[in-house]
C-alpha atoms as a PDB file:
ATOM      1  CA  MET A   1       0.040   0.105  -0.166  1.00  0.00           C
ATOM      2  CA  ASN A   2       2.973   2.326  -0.364  1.00  0.00           C
ATOM      3  CA  GLY A   3       1.394   3.887  -3.628  1.00  0.00           C
ATOM      4  CA  SER A   4      -1.891   4.245  -1.957  1.00  0.00           C
ATOM      5  CA  LYS A   5      -3.723   7.530  -1.813  1.00  0.00           C
ATOM      6  CA  TYR A   6      -4.659   7.070   1.643  1.00  0.00           C
ATOM      7  CA  ARG A   7      -2.380   8.138   4.469  1.00  0.00           C
ATOM      8  CA  THR A   8      -0.921   5.532   6.888  1.00  0.00           C
ATOM      9  CA  ASN A   9      -1.123   6.054  10.664  1.00  0.00           C
ATOM     10  CA  LYS A  10       2.416   7.522  10.900  1.00  0.00           C
ATOM     11  CA  ASP A  11       1.630  10.178   8.205  1.00  0.00           C
ATOM     12  CA  GLN A  12      -1.633  11.393   9.852  1.00  0.00           C
ATOM     13  CA  LYS A  13      -1.569  14.633  11.820  1.00  0.00           C
ATOM     14  CA  SER A  14      -1.943  14.315  15.651  1.00  0.00           C
ATOM     15  CA  LEU A  15      -4.861  15.852  17.485  1.00  0.00           C
ATOM     16  CA  LEU A  16      -2.589  18.945  18.348  1.00  0.00           C
ATOM     17  CA  GLY A  17      -1.422  19.223  14.757  1.00  0.00           C
ATOM     18  CA  ARG A  18      -5.304  19.143  13.479  1.00  0.00           C
ATOM     19  CA  PHE A  19      -6.066  21.792  16.110  1.00  0.00           C
ATOM     20  CA  LEU A  20      -3.269  24.036  15.113  1.00  0.00           C
ATOM     21  CA  LEU A  21      -4.123  23.631  11.521  1.00  0.00           C
ATOM     22  CA  ILE A  22      -7.841  24.621  12.178  1.00  0.00           C
ATOM     23  CA  LEU A  23      -6.712  27.619  14.390  1.00  0.00           C
ATOM     24  CA  GLY A  24      -4.023  28.752  11.674  1.00  0.00           C
ATOM     25  CA  MET A  25      -6.860  28.696   8.969  1.00  0.00           C
ATOM     26  CA  LEU A  26      -9.347  30.373  11.484  1.00  0.00           C
ATOM     27  CA  PHE A  27      -7.038  33.280  12.199  1.00  0.00           C
ATOM     28  CA  PHE A  28      -6.158  33.748   8.501  1.00  0.00           C
ATOM     29  CA  LEU A  29      -9.949  34.145   7.593  1.00  0.00           C
ATOM     30  CA  MET A  30     -10.481  36.405  10.725  1.00  0.00           C
ATOM     31  CA  TYR A  31      -7.676  38.836   9.511  1.00  0.00           C
ATOM     32  CA  PHE A  32      -8.854  38.735   5.928  1.00  0.00           C
ATOM     33  CA  VAL A  33     -12.475  39.187   6.772  1.00  0.00           C
ATOM     34  CA  MET A  34     -11.788  42.139   9.206  1.00  0.00           C
ATOM     35  CA  GLY A  35      -9.558  43.845   6.499  1.00  0.00           C
ATOM     36  CA  MET A  36     -12.433  43.446   3.955  1.00  0.00           C
ATOM     37  CA  ALA A  37     -14.938  44.705   6.600  1.00  0.00           C
ATOM     38  CA  ILE A  38     -12.798  47.854   7.452  1.00  0.00           C
ATOM     39  CA  ILE A  39     -12.594  48.621   3.871  1.00  0.00           C
ATOM     40  CA  PHE A  40     -16.137  48.100   2.752  1.00  0.00           C
ATOM     41  CA  TRP A  41     -18.289  48.709   5.810  1.00  0.00           C
ATOM     42  CA  LYS A  42     -19.863  52.115   5.461  1.00  0.00           C
ATOM     43  CA  ASP A  43     -20.973  52.589   9.053  1.00  0.00           C
ATOM     44  CA  LEU A  44     -17.774  51.497  10.664  1.00  0.00           C
ATOM     45  CA  PRO A  45     -18.196  51.993  14.533  1.00  0.00           C
ATOM     46  CA  ILE A  46     -14.556  53.496  14.471  1.00  0.00           C
ATOM     47  CA  GLU A  47     -14.521  57.162  13.199  1.00  0.00           C
ATOM     48  CA  MET A  48     -11.636  56.894  10.545  1.00  0.00           C
ATOM     49  CA  PRO A  49     -11.069  58.865   7.425  1.00  0.00           C
ATOM     50  CA  LYS A  50     -11.544  56.702   4.221  1.00  0.00           C
ATOM     51  CA  PRO A  51      -7.893  56.727   3.118  1.00  0.00           C
ATOM     52  CA  TYR A  52      -6.770  55.470   6.661  1.00  0.00           C
ATOM     53  CA  ARG A  53      -9.618  52.788   6.476  1.00  0.00           C
ATOM     54  CA  ILE A  54      -8.375  51.417   3.144  1.00  0.00           C
ATOM     55  CA  ALA A  55      -4.664  51.456   4.273  1.00  0.00           C
ATOM     56  CA  PHE A  56      -5.595  49.766   7.459  1.00  0.00           C
ATOM     57  CA  GLY A  57      -7.690  47.279   5.703  1.00  0.00           C
ATOM     58  CA  LEU A  58      -5.067  46.464   3.062  1.00  0.00           C
ATOM     59  CA  LEU A  59      -2.470  46.002   5.808  1.00  0.00           C
ATOM     60  CA  LEU A  60      -4.638  43.476   7.613  1.00  0.00           C
ATOM     61  CA  ILE A  61      -5.423  41.688   4.300  1.00  0.00           C
ATOM     62  CA  VAL A  62      -1.491  41.505   3.621  1.00  0.00           C
ATOM     63  CA  TYR A  63      -0.780  40.420   6.995  1.00  0.00           C
ATOM     64  CA  SER A  64      -3.293  37.612   6.729  1.00  0.00           C
ATOM     65  CA  PHE A  65      -1.499  36.365   3.564  1.00  0.00           C
ATOM     66  CA  PHE A  66       1.847  36.736   5.149  1.00  0.00           C
ATOM     67  CA  ARG A  67       0.470  34.485   8.157  1.00  0.00           C
ATOM     68  CA  PHE A  68      -1.025  32.157   5.624  1.00  0.00           C
ATOM     69  CA  ILE A  69       2.281  31.701   3.690  1.00  0.00           C
ATOM     70  CA  ARG A  70       4.243  31.094   6.934  1.00  0.00           C
ATOM     71  CA  PHE A  71       1.427  28.731   8.007  1.00  0.00           C
ATOM     72  CA  ILE A  72       1.672  26.586   4.880  1.00  0.00           C
ATOM     73  CA  LYS A  73       5.521  26.548   4.684  1.00  0.00           C
ATOM     74  CA  LYS A  74       5.634  25.303   8.542  1.00  0.00           C
ATOM     75  CA  ASP A  75       2.906  22.678   7.728  1.00  0.00           C
ATOM     76  CA  GLN A  76       4.747  21.264   4.838  1.00  0.00           C
ATOM     77  CA  GLN A  77       7.971  20.538   6.943  1.00  0.00           C
END
């Protein structure tokens, strides 16, 4: 079964590994959605000029992708 598409027990992630995988994806989505919300939400509860909102939202989106790339590289090791 070496060429099988199914993983063996030694290749499967531990419970902690699966938890960290889900947590990493959750934080990626959280930062991404928060950045999009800051950019496109018209009635933002925080008083902020539009150029600053766009800059802050883009910063959060770029940070979310930075975290995602680091997460994927760490997961592949």
